[in-house]
Amino acid sequence: MKRFPLTFLVAFLSLFLAACGSDGLYRFTLVTEGEHILTQDLTSSLIVTDGSVTLPAGTMLDGSVHILSGSFNVDGHITGDVFFLNGDLTLGPSARIGGDLNLGSGSYHPSPDSVIVGQINTGAGIPLPDLPEKQAPTVWILLLRTLISGSLLGLVATVLIRYVPGAVGRVGEAATHHSLVSGAVGLLVGVVGISLLVTMAYTILLIPVTLLGFFLLGVAALYGWIGLGISAGRLGIRILKRPVKPSAAAFISMLVFMLMLELVSSIPLIGDLLGLSVVLIGLGAVALTRFGLRRFTPAANQNLST
């Protein structure tokens, strides 16, 4: 389940590897709208997301074609593969495809005289590049990975507890004392924030803003994670009744917190849900306290204090 987004992304991007030249450069022509007639030979891959493209007779496209939507009329020669996902594909009498024709959905109109050198794959038969099987890591590798990540987070927590102890404390307090509210707010921030950033990514000019937004969202989740870990560590230190320096307590708290989280995440069925809940609670605590700049007080307590 954890590997599915990464596997899907690698499989999708590897469809475009056919456009990589021998010099290691990636060349492609992107068509997003309008009507286009390729009157000259094209030495790159063609990606069609919308609009209409025509490859006349006597014209060669030296590369692969990826049709996500729109209309593509072929009467020339395509040296590579054709990936047709949706839209309208027409092969004229002089059309020649040097590779495979992979058909998804949409309208396909072939001429009896058109030539397809490779195979015609339809539906679930469309081949995807073989991905190497990833072996499950051993217990020692998981332990080493957890110790390394816990140590790195412990160092960050040590710096934060030294310079902004109040802010980290307020985030941890909101996460531990108001877990349900923090989790609900974290879910809202995550869903709305990711949806907004994905929408902004469709505008090319806002792609840098989108990347910055994802970075800040990740920093907020990590900050909330650290606040929650330090707060849980302080609770354990109070139970043990042993004096520990704040910086050392922060480091040890994050290391133990990561080990416990890895142990809980290994529980079948509910492990992933618990891990996601921790992330959402931390993210919500950061949002409620504005990165720890103010203490979160529920509305009911505010009314009582007045």
C-alpha atoms as a PDB file:
ATOM      1  CA  MET A   1       0.000   0.000   0.000  1.00  0.00           C
ATOM      2  CA  LYS A   2       2.848   2.392   0.832  1.00  0.00           C
ATOM      3  CA  ARG A   3       4.672   1.633  -2.415  1.00  0.00           C
ATOM      4  CA  PHE A   4       1.659   2.122  -4.723  1.00  0.00           C
ATOM      5  CA  PRO A   5       2.009   5.921  -5.347  1.00  0.00           C
ATOM      6  CA  LEU A   6       5.744   5.599  -6.036  1.00  0.00           C
ATOM      7  CA  THR A   7       5.249   2.549  -8.273  1.00  0.00           C
ATOM      8  CA  PHE A   8       2.480   4.271 -10.240  1.00  0.00           C
ATOM      9  CA  LEU A   9       4.591   7.403 -10.704  1.00  0.00           C
ATOM     10  CA  VAL A  10       7.609   5.429 -11.935  1.00  0.00           C
ATOM     11  CA  ALA A  11       5.480   3.355 -14.288  1.00  0.00           C
ATOM     12  CA  PHE A  12       3.772   6.434 -15.716  1.00  0.00           C
ATOM     13  CA  LEU A  13       6.959   8.405 -16.235  1.00  0.00           C
ATOM     14  CA  SER A  14       8.739   5.441 -17.762  1.00  0.00           C
ATOM     15  CA  LEU A  15       6.265   5.498 -20.641  1.00  0.00           C
ATOM     16  CA  PHE A  16       8.074   8.604 -21.861  1.00  0.00           C
ATOM     17  CA  LEU A  17      11.529   7.081 -21.743  1.00  0.00           C
ATOM     18  CA  ALA A  18      11.142   6.106 -25.392  1.00  0.00           C
ATOM     19  CA  ALA A  19      11.794   9.767 -26.183  1.00  0.00           C
ATOM     20  CA  CYS A  20      15.272   9.765 -24.649  1.00  0.00           C
ATOM     21  CA  GLY A  21      17.940  10.181 -27.282  1.00  0.00           C
ATOM     22  CA  SER A  22      21.376   8.609 -27.378  1.00  0.00           C
ATOM     23  CA  ASP A  23      22.869  11.805 -26.017  1.00  0.00           C
ATOM     24  CA  GLY A  24      20.844  11.465 -22.833  1.00  0.00           C
ATOM     25  CA  LEU A  25      18.598  14.449 -23.590  1.00  0.00           C
ATOM     26  CA  TYR A  26      14.825  14.223 -23.437  1.00  0.00           C
ATOM     27  CA  ARG A  27      13.024  15.794 -26.380  1.00  0.00           C
ATOM     28  CA  PHE A  28       9.279  16.056 -26.803  1.00  0.00           C
ATOM     29  CA  THR A  29       6.624  18.235 -28.418  1.00  0.00           C
ATOM     30  CA  LEU A  30       3.597  19.042 -26.290  1.00  0.00           C
ATOM     31  CA  VAL A  31       0.222  19.921 -27.836  1.00  0.00           C
ATOM     32  CA  THR A  32      -2.428  21.202 -25.433  1.00  0.00           C
ATOM     33  CA  GLU A  33      -4.960  22.873 -27.759  1.00  0.00           C
ATOM     34  CA  GLY A  34      -5.692  24.074 -31.300  1.00  0.00           C
ATOM     35  CA  GLU A  35      -5.259  22.442 -34.709  1.00  0.00           C
ATOM     36  CA  HIS A  36      -1.774  21.505 -35.889  1.00  0.00           C
ATOM     37  CA  ILE A  37      -0.434  19.984 -39.121  1.00  0.00           C
ATOM     38  CA  LEU A  38       3.103  18.608 -38.950  1.00  0.00           C
ATOM     39  CA  THR A  39       4.456  19.596 -42.365  1.00  0.00           C
ATOM     40  CA  GLN A  40       8.093  18.787 -41.471  1.00  0.00           C
ATOM     41  CA  ASP A  41       9.793  15.733 -40.040  1.00  0.00           C
ATOM     42  CA  LEU A  42       9.793  15.712 -36.247  1.00  0.00           C
ATOM     43  CA  THR A  43      12.731  14.204 -34.348  1.00  0.00           C
ATOM     44  CA  SER A  44      11.139  13.999 -30.913  1.00  0.00           C
ATOM     45  CA  SER A  45       8.267  12.374 -29.115  1.00  0.00           C
ATOM     46  CA  LEU A  46       4.803  13.880 -29.341  1.00  0.00           C
ATOM     47  CA  ILE A  47       2.475  14.325 -26.375  1.00  0.00           C
ATOM     48  CA  VAL A  48      -1.110  15.350 -27.109  1.00  0.00           C
ATOM     49  CA  THR A  49      -3.322  16.391 -24.197  1.00  0.00           C
ATOM     50  CA  ASP A  50      -6.005  18.137 -26.273  1.00  0.00           C
ATOM     51  CA  GLY A  51      -6.583  19.694 -29.671  1.00  0.00           C
ATOM     52  CA  SER A  52      -6.088  18.193 -33.122  1.00  0.00           C
ATOM     53  CA  VAL A  53      -2.820  16.992 -34.716  1.00  0.00           C
ATOM     54  CA  THR A  54      -2.335  15.724 -38.280  1.00  0.00           C
ATOM     55  CA  LEU A  55       0.718  13.871 -39.593  1.00  0.00           C
ATOM     56  CA  PRO A  56       0.403  14.104 -43.417  1.00  0.00           C
ATOM     57  CA  ALA A  57       1.656  11.521 -45.910  1.00  0.00           C
ATOM     58  CA  GLY A  58       5.388  11.700 -46.576  1.00  0.00           C
ATOM     59  CA  THR A  59       6.136  13.120 -43.115  1.00  0.00           C
ATOM     60  CA  MET A  60       8.044  11.168 -40.464  1.00  0.00           C
ATOM     61  CA  LEU A  61       7.877  11.424 -36.691  1.00  0.00           C
ATOM     62  CA  ASP A  62      11.072   9.967 -35.250  1.00  0.00           C
ATOM     63  CA  GLY A  63       9.889   9.105 -31.753  1.00  0.00           C
ATOM     64  CA  SER A  64       6.866   7.886 -29.843  1.00  0.00           C
ATOM     65  CA  VAL A  65       3.385   9.354 -29.565  1.00  0.00           C
ATOM     66  CA  HIS A  66       1.382   9.687 -26.340  1.00  0.00           C
ATOM     67  CA  ILE A  67      -2.251  10.701 -26.828  1.00  0.00           C
ATOM     68  CA  LEU A  68      -3.954  11.554 -23.549  1.00  0.00           C
ATOM     69  CA  SER A  69      -6.908  13.266 -25.216  1.00  0.00           C
ATOM     70  CA  GLY A  70      -7.746  15.128 -28.419  1.00  0.00           C
ATOM     71  CA  SER A  71      -7.595  14.037 -32.055  1.00  0.00           C
ATOM     72  CA  PHE A  72      -4.642  12.533 -33.952  1.00  0.00           C
ATOM     73  CA  ASN A  73      -4.776  11.813 -37.682  1.00  0.00           C
ATOM     74  CA  VAL A  74      -1.886   9.785 -39.096  1.00  0.00           C
ATOM     75  CA  ASP A  75      -0.952   9.425 -42.748  1.00  0.00           C
ATOM     76  CA  GLY A  76       2.815   9.540 -42.310  1.00  0.00           C
ATOM     77  CA  HIS A  77       5.454   7.389 -40.649  1.00  0.00           C
ATOM     78  CA  ILE A  78       5.946   7.016 -36.880  1.00  0.00           C
ATOM     79  CA  THR A  79       9.125   5.192 -35.939  1.00  0.00           C
ATOM     80  CA  GLY A  80       8.264   4.525 -32.291  1.00  0.00           C
ATOM     81  CA  ASP A  81       5.318   3.300 -30.279  1.00  0.00           C
ATOM     82  CA  VAL A  82       1.898   4.919 -30.066  1.00  0.00           C
ATOM     83  CA  PHE A  83       0.156   5.105 -26.689  1.00  0.00           C
ATOM     84  CA  PHE A  84      -3.487   6.041 -27.215  1.00  0.00           C
ATOM     85  CA  LEU A  85      -5.330   6.587 -23.918  1.00  0.00           C
ATOM     86  CA  ASN A  86      -8.345   8.654 -24.927  1.00  0.00           C
ATOM     87  CA  GLY A  87      -9.658  10.822 -27.742  1.00  0.00           C
ATOM     88  CA  ASP A  88      -9.797  10.045 -31.446  1.00  0.00           C
ATOM     89  CA  LEU A  89      -7.135   8.198 -33.464  1.00  0.00           C
ATOM     90  CA  THR A  90      -7.335   7.810 -37.242  1.00  0.00           C
ATOM     91  CA  LEU A  91      -4.843   5.864 -39.376  1.00  0.00           C
ATOM     92  CA  GLY A  92      -4.906   6.763 -43.076  1.00  0.00           C
ATOM     93  CA  PRO A  93      -4.006   4.434 -45.963  1.00  0.00           C
ATOM     94  CA  SER A  94      -0.338   5.504 -45.998  1.00  0.00           C
ATOM     95  CA  ALA A  95       0.085   5.460 -42.201  1.00  0.00           C
ATOM     96  CA  ARG A  96       2.941   3.362 -40.848  1.00  0.00           C
ATOM     97  CA  ILE A  97       3.756   2.739 -37.175  1.00  0.00           C
ATOM     98  CA  GLY A  98       7.184   1.243 -36.619  1.00  0.00           C
ATOM     99  CA  GLY A  99       6.503   0.168 -33.016  1.00  0.00           C
ATOM    100  CA  ASP A 100       3.551  -1.091 -31.017  1.00  0.00           C
ATOM    101  CA  LEU A 101       0.079   0.428 -30.955  1.00  0.00           C
ATOM    102  CA  ASN A 102      -1.325   0.504 -27.420  1.00  0.00           C
ATOM    103  CA  LEU A 103      -5.028   1.293 -27.340  1.00  0.00           C
ATOM    104  CA  GLY A 104      -6.891   2.470 -24.255  1.00  0.00           C
ATOM    105  CA  SER A 105     -10.319   4.049 -24.622  1.00  0.00           C
ATOM    106  CA  GLY A 106     -11.687   6.461 -27.221  1.00  0.00           C
ATOM    107  CA  SER A 107     -12.404   6.173 -30.944  1.00  0.00           C
ATOM    108  CA  TYR A 108     -10.010   4.254 -33.180  1.00  0.00           C
ATOM    109  CA  HIS A 109     -10.419   4.390 -36.974  1.00  0.00           C
ATOM    110  CA  PRO A 110      -7.786   2.362 -38.868  1.00  0.00           C
ATOM    111  CA  SER A 111      -7.481   2.120 -42.632  1.00  0.00           C
ATOM    112  CA  PRO A 112      -7.127  -1.392 -44.097  1.00  0.00           C
ATOM    113  CA  ASP A 113      -3.960  -0.224 -45.884  1.00  0.00           C
ATOM    114  CA  SER A 114      -2.257   1.180 -42.782  1.00  0.00           C
ATOM    115  CA  VAL A 115       0.813  -0.716 -41.530  1.00  0.00           C
ATOM    116  CA  ILE A 116       1.621  -1.506 -37.887  1.00  0.00           C
ATOM    117  CA  VAL A 117       4.976  -3.234 -37.577  1.00  0.00           C
ATOM    118  CA  GLY A 118       4.652  -4.067 -33.874  1.00  0.00           C
ATOM    119  CA  GLN A 119       1.818  -5.505 -31.853  1.00  0.00           C
ATOM    120  CA  ILE A 120      -1.615  -4.047 -31.156  1.00  0.00           C
ATOM    121  CA  ASN A 121      -2.357  -4.084 -27.438  1.00  0.00           C
ATOM    122  CA  THR A 122      -5.793  -3.208 -26.095  1.00  0.00           C
ATOM    123  CA  GLY A 123      -7.333  -2.754 -22.662  1.00  0.00           C
ATOM    124  CA  ALA A 124      -5.545  -4.548 -19.845  1.00  0.00           C
ATOM    125  CA  GLY A 125      -3.094  -5.953 -22.372  1.00  0.00           C
ATOM    126  CA  ILE A 126      -1.224  -2.645 -22.654  1.00  0.00           C
ATOM    127  CA  PRO A 127       2.285  -3.444 -21.430  1.00  0.00           C
ATOM    128  CA  LEU A 128       3.943  -1.413 -18.739  1.00  0.00           C
ATOM    129  CA  PRO A 129       7.686  -1.422 -18.203  1.00  0.00           C
ATOM    130  CA  ASP A 130       8.822  -4.147 -15.852  1.00  0.00           C
ATOM    131  CA  LEU A 131       9.697  -2.764 -12.454  1.00  0.00           C
ATOM    132  CA  PRO A 132      12.215  -4.569 -10.283  1.00  0.00           C
ATOM    133  CA  GLU A 133      10.627  -6.338  -7.365  1.00  0.00           C
ATOM    134  CA  LYS A 134      11.530  -4.734  -4.098  1.00  0.00           C
ATOM    135  CA  GLN A 135      12.373  -7.207  -1.402  1.00  0.00           C
ATOM    136  CA  ALA A 136      11.000  -6.579   2.043  1.00  0.00           C
ATOM    137  CA  PRO A 137      13.717  -5.123   4.285  1.00  0.00           C
ATOM    138  CA  THR A 138      14.942  -7.241   7.152  1.00  0.00           C
ATOM    139  CA  VAL A 139      14.311  -6.402  10.790  1.00  0.00           C
ATOM    140  CA  TRP A 140      17.880  -5.150  11.224  1.00  0.00           C
ATOM    141  CA  ILE A 141      17.611  -2.847   8.217  1.00  0.00           C
ATOM    142  CA  LEU A 142      14.327  -1.443   9.536  1.00  0.00           C
ATOM    143  CA  LEU A 143      15.899  -0.951  12.950  1.00  0.00           C
ATOM    144  CA  LEU A 144      18.953   0.791  11.477  1.00  0.00           C
ATOM    145  CA  ARG A 145      16.762   2.996   9.265  1.00  0.00           C
ATOM    146  CA  THR A 146      14.589   3.932  12.243  1.00  0.00           C
ATOM    147  CA  LEU A 147      17.616   4.720  14.407  1.00  0.00           C
ATOM    148  CA  ILE A 148      19.070   6.975  11.709  1.00  0.00           C
ATOM    149  CA  SER A 149      15.798   8.845  11.107  1.00  0.00           C
ATOM    150  CA  GLY A 150      15.157   9.075  14.839  1.00  0.00           C
ATOM    151  CA  SER A 151      18.645  10.465  15.433  1.00  0.00           C
ATOM    152  CA  LEU A 152      18.219  13.082  12.696  1.00  0.00           C
ATOM    153  CA  LEU A 153      14.853  14.156  14.079  1.00  0.00           C
ATOM    154  CA  GLY A 154      16.393  14.146  17.542  1.00  0.00           C
ATOM    155  CA  LEU A 155      19.062  16.599  16.417  1.00  0.00           C
ATOM    156  CA  VAL A 156      16.409  18.867  14.899  1.00  0.00           C
ATOM    157  CA  ALA A 157      14.361  18.603  18.101  1.00  0.00           C
ATOM    158  CA  THR A 158      17.449  19.527  20.146  1.00  0.00           C
ATOM    159  CA  VAL A 159      17.917  22.693  18.130  1.00  0.00           C
ATOM    160  CA  LEU A 160      14.239  23.611  18.378  1.00  0.00           C
ATOM    161  CA  ILE A 161      14.017  22.996  22.114  1.00  0.00           C
ATOM    162  CA  ARG A 162      17.072  25.195  22.628  1.00  0.00           C
ATOM    163  CA  TYR A 163      15.980  28.208  20.593  1.00  0.00           C
ATOM    164  CA  VAL A 164      12.153  28.034  20.519  1.00  0.00           C
ATOM    165  CA  PRO A 165      11.143  25.886  23.499  1.00  0.00           C
ATOM    166  CA  GLY A 166       7.877  27.737  24.021  1.00  0.00           C
ATOM    167  CA  ALA A 167       6.702  27.254  20.456  1.00  0.00           C
ATOM    168  CA  VAL A 168       7.506  23.537  20.460  1.00  0.00           C
ATOM    169  CA  GLY A 169       5.778  23.159  23.806  1.00  0.00           C
ATOM    170  CA  ARG A 170       2.602  24.837  22.577  1.00  0.00           C
ATOM    171  CA  VAL A 171       2.496  22.568  19.506  1.00  0.00           C
ATOM    172  CA  GLY A 172       3.002  19.475  21.670  1.00  0.00           C
ATOM    173  CA  GLU A 173       0.359  20.641  24.138  1.00  0.00           C
ATOM    174  CA  ALA A 174      -2.219  21.072  21.385  1.00  0.00           C
ATOM    175  CA  ALA A 175      -1.351  17.669  19.922  1.00  0.00           C
ATOM    176  CA  THR A 176      -1.580  15.754  23.209  1.00  0.00           C
ATOM    177  CA  HIS A 177      -4.359  17.623  25.052  1.00  0.00           C
ATOM    178  CA  HIS A 178      -6.593  18.242  22.013  1.00  0.00           C
ATOM    179  CA  SER A 179      -5.872  15.236  19.795  1.00  0.00           C
ATOM    180  CA  LEU A 180      -9.333  14.979  18.227  1.00  0.00           C
ATOM    181  CA  VAL A 181      -9.472  18.660  17.290  1.00  0.00           C
ATOM    182  CA  SER A 182      -5.886  18.586  16.007  1.00  0.00           C
ATOM    183  CA  GLY A 183      -6.557  15.476  13.944  1.00  0.00           C
ATOM    184  CA  ALA A 184      -9.687  16.972  12.375  1.00  0.00           C
ATOM    185  CA  VAL A 185      -7.910  20.218  11.545  1.00  0.00           C
ATOM    186  CA  GLY A 186      -4.914  18.292  10.195  1.00  0.00           C
ATOM    187  CA  LEU A 187      -7.171  16.272   7.896  1.00  0.00           C
ATOM    188  CA  LEU A 188      -8.832  19.472   6.676  1.00  0.00           C
ATOM    189  CA  VAL A 189      -5.499  21.221   6.087  1.00  0.00           C
ATOM    190  CA  GLY A 190      -4.085  18.186   4.290  1.00  0.00           C
ATOM    191  CA  VAL A 191      -7.043  17.641   1.964  1.00  0.00           C
ATOM    192  CA  VAL A 192      -7.644  21.307   1.158  1.00  0.00           C
ATOM    193  CA  GLY A 193      -3.947  22.159   0.940  1.00  0.00           C
ATOM    194  CA  ILE A 194      -3.021  19.291  -1.383  1.00  0.00           C
ATOM    195  CA  SER A 195      -6.080  19.886  -3.584  1.00  0.00           C
ATOM    196  CA  LEU A 196      -5.267  23.592  -3.871  1.00  0.00           C
ATOM    197  CA  LEU A 197      -1.607  22.958  -4.646  1.00  0.00           C
ATOM    198  CA  VAL A 198      -2.431  20.350  -7.292  1.00  0.00           C
ATOM    199  CA  THR A 199      -4.852  22.798  -8.906  1.00  0.00           C
ATOM    200  CA  MET A 200      -2.197  25.515  -8.905  1.00  0.00           C
ATOM    201  CA  ALA A 201       0.259  23.137 -10.574  1.00  0.00           C
ATOM    202  CA  TYR A 202      -1.852  23.199 -13.768  1.00  0.00           C
ATOM    203  CA  THR A 203      -0.751  26.823 -14.207  1.00  0.00           C
ATOM    204  CA  ILE A 204       2.861  26.712 -15.348  1.00  0.00           C
ATOM    205  CA  LEU A 205       3.673  30.092 -13.787  1.00  0.00           C
ATOM    206  CA  LEU A 206       2.546  28.840 -10.350  1.00  0.00           C
ATOM    207  CA  ILE A 207       4.603  25.638 -10.357  1.00  0.00           C
ATOM    208  CA  PRO A 208       7.350  27.231  -8.163  1.00  0.00           C
ATOM    209  CA  VAL A 209       4.648  28.353  -5.723  1.00  0.00           C
ATOM    210  CA  THR A 210       3.233  24.821  -5.737  1.00  0.00           C
ATOM    211  CA  LEU A 211       6.619  23.304  -4.931  1.00  0.00           C
ATOM    212  CA  LEU A 212       7.106  25.826  -2.139  1.00  0.00           C
ATOM    213  CA  GLY A 213       3.639  25.007  -0.800  1.00  0.00           C
ATOM    214  CA  PHE A 214       4.378  21.272  -0.685  1.00  0.00           C
ATOM    215  CA  PHE A 215       7.666  22.019   1.057  1.00  0.00           C
ATOM    216  CA  LEU A 216       5.964  24.141   3.714  1.00  0.00           C
ATOM    217  CA  LEU A 217       3.273  21.502   4.175  1.00  0.00           C
ATOM    218  CA  GLY A 218       5.963  18.889   4.766  1.00  0.00           C
ATOM    219  CA  VAL A 219       7.812  21.159   7.189  1.00  0.00           C
ATOM    220  CA  ALA A 220       4.579  21.762   9.115  1.00  0.00           C
ATOM    221  CA  ALA A 221       3.888  18.016   9.388  1.00  0.00           C
ATOM    222  CA  LEU A 222       7.470  17.375  10.539  1.00  0.00           C
ATOM    223  CA  TYR A 223       7.281  20.221  13.060  1.00  0.00           C
ATOM    224  CA  GLY A 224       4.075  18.827  14.501  1.00  0.00           C
ATOM    225  CA  TRP A 225       5.644  15.370  14.635  1.00  0.00           C
ATOM    226  CA  ILE A 226       8.552  16.729  16.659  1.00  0.00           C
ATOM    227  CA  GLY A 227       6.252  18.629  19.007  1.00  0.00           C
ATOM    228  CA  LEU A 228       4.186  15.515  19.622  1.00  0.00           C
ATOM    229  CA  GLY A 229       7.283  13.390  20.225  1.00  0.00           C
ATOM    230  CA  ILE A 230       8.806  15.848  22.696  1.00  0.00           C
ATOM    231  CA  SER A 231       5.527  16.168  24.578  1.00  0.00           C
ATOM    232  CA  ALA A 232       5.218  12.377  24.839  1.00  0.00           C
ATOM    233  CA  GLY A 233       8.827  12.186  26.015  1.00  0.00           C
ATOM    234  CA  ARG A 234       8.210  14.733  28.750  1.00  0.00           C
ATOM    235  CA  LEU A 235       5.312  12.624  29.986  1.00  0.00           C
ATOM    236  CA  GLY A 236       7.566   9.581  30.176  1.00  0.00           C
ATOM    237  CA  ILE A 237      10.270  11.527  32.042  1.00  0.00           C
ATOM    238  CA  ARG A 238       7.712  12.723  34.601  1.00  0.00           C
ATOM    239  CA  ILE A 239       6.596   9.143  35.134  1.00  0.00           C
ATOM    240  CA  LEU A 240      10.171   7.924  35.619  1.00  0.00           C
ATOM    241  CA  LYS A 241      10.935  10.904  37.878  1.00  0.00           C
ATOM    242  CA  ARG A 242      14.498  11.288  36.615  1.00  0.00           C
ATOM    243  CA  PRO A 243      16.042  14.693  35.909  1.00  0.00           C
ATOM    244  CA  VAL A 244      17.202  15.032  32.303  1.00  0.00           C
ATOM    245  CA  LYS A 245      18.499  18.103  30.485  1.00  0.00           C
ATOM    246  CA  PRO A 246      15.972  19.546  28.004  1.00  0.00           C
ATOM    247  CA  SER A 247      18.251  19.021  24.988  1.00  0.00           C
ATOM    248  CA  ALA A 248      19.023  15.426  25.930  1.00  0.00           C
ATOM    249  CA  ALA A 249      15.366  14.800  26.724  1.00  0.00           C
ATOM    250  CA  ALA A 250      14.345  16.086  23.287  1.00  0.00           C
ATOM    251  CA  PHE A 251      16.852  13.823  21.515  1.00  0.00           C
ATOM    252  CA  ILE A 252      15.916  10.734  23.514  1.00  0.00           C
ATOM    253  CA  SER A 253      12.198  11.486  23.152  1.00  0.00           C
ATOM    254  CA  MET A 254      12.354  11.622  19.352  1.00  0.00           C
ATOM    255  CA  LEU A 255      14.478   8.466  19.157  1.00  0.00           C
ATOM    256  CA  VAL A 256      12.075   6.497  21.351  1.00  0.00           C
ATOM    257  CA  PHE A 257       9.090   8.071  19.579  1.00  0.00           C
ATOM    258  CA  MET A 258      10.354   6.911  16.172  1.00  0.00           C
ATOM    259  CA  LEU A 259      11.017   3.396  17.475  1.00  0.00           C
ATOM    260  CA  MET A 260       7.534   3.171  18.973  1.00  0.00           C
ATOM    261  CA  LEU A 261       5.955   4.564  15.824  1.00  0.00           C
ATOM    262  CA  GLU A 262       7.782   2.020  13.654  1.00  0.00           C
ATOM    263  CA  LEU A 263       6.620  -0.744  15.980  1.00  0.00           C
ATOM    264  CA  VAL A 264       3.013   0.444  15.887  1.00  0.00           C
ATOM    265  CA  SER A 265       3.099   0.871  12.086  1.00  0.00           C
ATOM    266  CA  SER A 266       4.029  -2.796  11.688  1.00  0.00           C
ATOM    267  CA  ILE A 267       0.675  -3.881  13.130  1.00  0.00           C
ATOM    268  CA  PRO A 268      -1.460  -5.321  10.284  1.00  0.00           C
ATOM    269  CA  LEU A 269      -4.521  -3.359   9.119  1.00  0.00           C
ATOM    270  CA  ILE A 270      -4.388  -0.608  11.758  1.00  0.00           C
ATOM    271  CA  GLY A 271      -0.667   0.239  11.608  1.00  0.00           C
ATOM    272  CA  ASP A 272      -0.910   2.538   8.584  1.00  0.00           C
ATOM    273  CA  LEU A 273      -4.020   4.195  10.009  1.00  0.00           C
ATOM    274  CA  LEU A 274      -2.283   4.935  13.307  1.00  0.00           C
ATOM    275  CA  GLY A 275       0.768   6.331  11.529  1.00  0.00           C
ATOM    276  CA  LEU A 276      -1.427   8.600   9.387  1.00  0.00           C
ATOM    277  CA  SER A 277      -3.315   9.719  12.484  1.00  0.00           C
ATOM    278  CA  VAL A 278      -0.067  10.816  14.135  1.00  0.00           C
ATOM    279  CA  VAL A 279       0.872  12.877  11.082  1.00  0.00           C
ATOM    280  CA  LEU A 280      -2.564  14.520  10.928  1.00  0.00           C
ATOM    281  CA  ILE A 281      -2.582  15.306  14.658  1.00  0.00           C
ATOM    282  CA  GLY A 282       0.831  16.954  14.410  1.00  0.00           C
ATOM    283  CA  LEU A 283      -0.159  18.925  11.299  1.00  0.00           C
ATOM    284  CA  GLY A 284      -3.375  20.078  12.959  1.00  0.00           C
ATOM    285  CA  ALA A 285      -1.524  21.141  16.108  1.00  0.00           C
ATOM    286  CA  VAL A 286       0.801  23.311  14.032  1.00  0.00           C
ATOM    287  CA  ALA A 287      -2.178  24.900  12.282  1.00  0.00           C
ATOM    288  CA  LEU A 288      -4.064  25.528  15.533  1.00  0.00           C
ATOM    289  CA  THR A 289      -1.081  27.159  17.210  1.00  0.00           C
ATOM    290  CA  ARG A 290       0.215  28.911  14.083  1.00  0.00           C
ATOM    291  CA  PHE A 291       3.560  27.129  14.279  1.00  0.00           C
ATOM    292  CA  GLY A 292       3.563  27.491  18.042  1.00  0.00           C
ATOM    293  CA  LEU A 293       3.241  31.277  18.092  1.00  0.00           C
ATOM    294  CA  ARG A 294       0.117  31.140  20.259  1.00  0.00           C
ATOM    295  CA  ARG A 295      -1.460  28.714  22.681  1.00  0.00           C
ATOM    296  CA  PHE A 296      -4.567  26.905  21.476  1.00  0.00           C
ATOM    297  CA  THR A 297      -7.555  27.332  23.788  1.00  0.00           C
ATOM    298  CA  PRO A 298     -10.888  25.694  22.898  1.00  0.00           C
ATOM    299  CA  ALA A 299     -13.870  28.003  22.529  1.00  0.00           C
ATOM    300  CA  ALA A 300     -15.616  26.476  25.561  1.00  0.00           C
ATOM    301  CA  ASN A 301     -12.662  27.283  27.822  1.00  0.00           C
ATOM    302  CA  GLN A 302     -12.525  30.831  26.440  1.00  0.00           C
ATOM    303  CA  ASN A 303     -16.163  31.364  27.367  1.00  0.00           C
ATOM    304  CA  LEU A 304     -15.566  30.026  30.878  1.00  0.00           C
ATOM    305  CA  SER A 305     -12.570  32.306  31.423  1.00  0.00           C
ATOM    306  CA  THR A 306     -14.596  35.359  30.461  1.00  0.00           C
END
